[in-house]
Amino acid sequence: MSEENPKLLLVDDDEIFCQVLSKALHTREYSVDIAYNQNDAIQIAQQQHPEFAIVDLRIGNDSGLNVIKSLVESEPGIRIVVLTGYASISTAVESIKLGAIHYLTKPAEVEDILKAFYHDEGNADINLQTQPMSAKRMEWEHLQKVLHDNNGNISAAARAMGMHRRTLQRKLTKKPVKV
């Protein structure tokens, strides 16, 4: 880490959320830059060279997965935590494969986010689920996987699943159901 405040890039399209989280991070002595879309995130990263990034999975029409990939390519060693309200197993796995070090669901406490930056090892003592996923949650996971397999293209994903594009869009706007 540098001698000055650690540089952190916050990438999320929710301006109010960014303002609140940025303020909380400033009080913990982080230098925070905010990007509300993928292009701004890449540009800011190239100029500021952040050590840390918090990336939302859905940034308007952009995918946080693409942001993760670009940040890791342009800033090797950056520590990225994904923060999302639309968690799924497939996006968690892909986030880690692309270079994120942790994946948290919203809402998350600032302290939990900061701890995640330094969480380098897995926890074998974590509690395992005792019940299988509900049918609705399994559907949500499947939709996310097919959407990811089609590079976020809703029309292609809908065709692959044999459903109307609007039906898929409606299902995707709903928050994921509990496990």
Protein backbone atom coordinates (compact mmCIF):
# COMPACT_ATOMS: atom_id res chain seq x y z
CA MET A 1 0.00 0.00 0.00
CA SER A 2 1.12 3.54 -0.63
CA GLU A 3 2.07 6.06 2.05
CA GLU A 4 -1.02 8.17 1.32
CA ASN A 5 -4.59 7.02 1.75
CA PRO A 6 -5.29 3.82 -0.19
CA LYS A 7 -7.01 4.47 -3.51
CA LEU A 8 -10.37 2.79 -4.00
CA LEU A 9 -12.60 2.73 -7.08
CA LEU A 10 -16.34 2.40 -6.44
CA VAL A 11 -18.32 1.25 -9.50
CA ASP A 12 -22.11 1.35 -9.17
CA ASP A 13 -24.91 3.11 -11.06
CA ASP A 14 -26.81 4.02 -7.87
CA GLU A 15 -25.62 7.56 -7.16
CA ILE A 16 -27.10 7.80 -3.66
CA PHE A 17 -25.58 4.46 -2.65
CA CYS A 18 -22.21 5.64 -4.00
CA GLN A 19 -22.39 8.90 -2.06
CA VAL A 20 -23.23 7.15 1.21
CA LEU A 21 -20.60 4.41 0.81
CA SER A 22 -17.98 6.90 -0.40
CA LYS A 23 -18.53 9.06 2.68
CA ALA A 24 -18.18 6.02 4.96
CA LEU A 25 -14.96 5.01 3.19
CA HIS A 26 -13.55 8.54 3.40
CA THR A 27 -14.02 8.48 7.18
CA ARG A 28 -11.94 5.29 7.18
CA GLU A 29 -9.21 7.17 5.30
CA TYR A 30 -9.67 5.77 1.80
CA SER A 31 -9.31 7.99 -1.24
CA VAL A 32 -12.45 7.15 -3.25
CA ASP A 33 -13.19 7.66 -6.93
CA ILE A 34 -16.66 6.84 -8.22
CA ALA A 35 -17.66 5.51 -11.64
CA TYR A 36 -21.29 5.09 -12.64
CA ASN A 37 -20.57 3.03 -15.77
CA GLN A 38 -17.99 0.68 -17.28
CA ASN A 39 -16.23 3.24 -19.50
CA ASP A 40 -15.72 5.69 -16.63
CA ALA A 41 -14.47 2.87 -14.40
CA ILE A 42 -11.76 1.89 -16.90
CA GLN A 43 -10.76 5.50 -17.52
CA ILE A 44 -10.52 6.33 -13.81
CA ALA A 45 -8.54 3.14 -13.13
CA GLN A 46 -6.02 4.01 -15.84
CA GLN A 47 -5.56 7.50 -14.39
CA GLN A 48 -5.68 6.78 -10.65
CA HIS A 49 -4.30 3.20 -10.39
CA PRO A 50 -6.51 2.13 -7.46
CA GLU A 51 -5.40 -0.60 -5.08
CA PHE A 52 -9.01 -1.60 -4.32
CA ALA A 53 -12.34 -1.68 -6.16
CA ILE A 54 -15.92 -2.31 -5.17
CA VAL A 55 -17.88 -3.35 -8.25
CA ASP A 56 -21.63 -3.79 -8.55
CA LEU A 57 -22.70 -6.72 -10.72
CA ARG A 58 -25.26 -4.66 -12.64
CA ILE A 59 -24.14 -1.19 -13.62
CA GLY A 60 -27.00 0.17 -15.70
CA ASN A 61 -26.79 -1.86 -18.90
CA ASP A 62 -23.17 -2.83 -18.23
CA SER A 63 -22.02 -6.04 -16.60
CA GLY A 64 -19.80 -5.84 -13.56
CA LEU A 65 -18.12 -9.01 -14.82
CA ASN A 66 -16.72 -7.04 -17.78
CA VAL A 67 -15.55 -4.34 -15.39
CA ILE A 68 -13.75 -6.92 -13.23
CA LYS A 69 -12.00 -8.37 -16.27
CA SER A 70 -10.91 -4.94 -17.52
CA LEU A 71 -9.72 -3.78 -14.10
CA VAL A 72 -7.62 -6.91 -13.56
CA GLU A 73 -6.08 -6.54 -17.03
CA SER A 74 -5.23 -2.86 -16.57
CA GLU A 75 -4.33 -2.96 -12.86
CA PRO A 76 -2.71 -6.29 -11.95
CA GLY A 77 -2.84 -6.79 -8.20
CA ILE A 78 -6.02 -4.76 -7.69
CA ARG A 79 -8.21 -6.25 -4.96
CA ILE A 80 -11.84 -6.34 -6.12
CA VAL A 81 -14.92 -7.03 -4.04
CA VAL A 82 -18.18 -7.60 -5.89
CA LEU A 83 -21.23 -6.16 -4.18
CA THR A 84 -24.62 -7.04 -5.63
CA GLY A 85 -28.32 -7.16 -4.94
CA TYR A 86 -28.67 -9.88 -7.59
CA ALA A 87 -26.50 -12.65 -6.26
CA SER A 88 -26.31 -16.01 -8.00
CA ILE A 89 -23.96 -18.94 -7.87
CA SER A 90 -22.90 -18.55 -11.51
CA THR A 91 -22.02 -14.86 -11.15
CA ALA A 92 -20.16 -15.52 -7.90
CA VAL A 93 -18.06 -18.22 -9.56
CA GLU A 94 -17.39 -16.09 -12.65
CA SER A 95 -16.47 -13.05 -10.53
CA ILE A 96 -13.81 -15.04 -8.70
CA LYS A 97 -12.53 -16.66 -11.91
CA LEU A 98 -12.17 -13.19 -13.46
CA GLY A 99 -10.12 -11.93 -10.52
CA ALA A 100 -12.42 -10.64 -7.79
CA ILE A 101 -11.29 -11.70 -4.33
CA HIS A 102 -14.70 -11.67 -2.67
CA TYR A 103 -18.42 -11.53 -3.46
CA LEU A 104 -20.93 -9.94 -1.08
CA THR A 105 -24.66 -9.36 -1.30
CA LYS A 106 -26.31 -6.01 -0.64
CA PRO A 107 -26.92 -4.69 1.87
CA ALA A 108 -23.45 -5.13 3.35
CA GLU A 109 -21.82 -3.30 6.22
CA VAL A 110 -18.80 -1.13 5.40
CA GLU A 111 -16.67 -3.12 7.85
CA ASP A 112 -17.61 -6.38 6.10
CA ILE A 113 -16.62 -4.91 2.74
CA LEU A 114 -13.27 -3.74 4.08
CA LYS A 115 -12.61 -7.11 5.74
CA ALA A 116 -13.36 -8.80 2.41
CA PHE A 117 -10.42 -6.99 0.81
CA TYR A 118 -8.07 -8.88 3.12
CA HIS A 119 -9.91 -12.21 3.15
CA ASP A 120 -7.27 -14.23 1.30
CA GLU A 121 -8.17 -17.76 2.34
CA GLY A 122 -11.34 -19.78 2.25
CA ASN A 123 -13.18 -20.81 5.40
CA ALA A 124 -13.67 -24.59 5.68
CA ASP A 125 -15.77 -24.06 8.83
CA ILE A 126 -18.53 -22.13 7.08
CA ASN A 127 -22.00 -23.50 7.72
CA LEU A 128 -23.36 -25.62 4.90
CA GLN A 129 -26.96 -25.41 3.72
CA THR A 130 -29.12 -28.10 5.24
CA GLN A 131 -31.95 -27.81 2.71
CA PRO A 132 -31.89 -27.83 -1.08
CA MET A 133 -32.66 -24.68 -3.05
CA SER A 134 -36.29 -23.84 -3.68
CA ALA A 135 -37.64 -24.32 -7.21
CA LYS A 136 -37.90 -20.54 -7.66
CA ARG A 137 -34.30 -20.05 -6.60
CA MET A 138 -33.18 -22.82 -8.95
CA GLU A 139 -35.03 -21.05 -11.78
CA TRP A 140 -33.29 -17.76 -10.88
CA GLU A 141 -29.89 -19.48 -10.90
CA HIS A 142 -30.65 -21.10 -14.26
CA LEU A 143 -31.73 -17.77 -15.78
CA GLN A 144 -28.50 -16.16 -14.57
CA LYS A 145 -26.36 -18.96 -16.01
CA VAL A 146 -28.05 -18.90 -19.42
CA LEU A 147 -27.84 -15.10 -19.50
CA HIS A 148 -24.14 -15.27 -18.67
CA ASP A 149 -23.57 -17.99 -21.29
CA ASN A 150 -25.09 -15.59 -23.83
CA ASN A 151 -22.85 -12.69 -22.78
CA GLY A 152 -25.71 -10.80 -21.16
CA ASN A 153 -27.76 -10.76 -24.37
CA ILE A 154 -31.36 -11.07 -23.18
CA SER A 155 -32.77 -11.87 -26.63
CA ALA A 156 -30.26 -14.69 -27.20
CA ALA A 157 -30.82 -16.07 -23.68
CA ALA A 158 -34.59 -16.01 -24.19
CA ARG A 159 -34.23 -17.90 -27.48
CA ALA A 160 -31.95 -20.44 -25.81
CA MET A 161 -34.60 -21.07 -23.15
CA GLY A 162 -37.52 -21.02 -25.58
CA MET A 163 -39.26 -18.08 -23.95
CA HIS A 164 -40.31 -14.62 -25.05
CA ARG A 165 -37.74 -11.88 -24.45
CA ARG A 166 -40.21 -9.79 -22.43
CA THR A 167 -40.95 -12.76 -20.17
CA LEU A 168 -37.26 -13.15 -19.45
CA GLN A 169 -36.86 -9.40 -18.86
CA ARG A 170 -39.75 -9.49 -16.37
CA LYS A 171 -38.24 -12.45 -14.52
CA LEU A 172 -34.84 -10.73 -14.38
CA THR A 173 -36.23 -7.53 -12.86
CA LYS A 174 -37.48 -9.43 -9.82
CA LYS A 175 -35.07 -9.70 -6.92
CA PRO A 176 -33.66 -13.18 -6.47
CA VAL A 177 -35.75 -15.35 -4.19
CA LYS A 178 -34.35 -16.68 -0.95
CA VAL A 179 -32.49 -19.96 -1.06
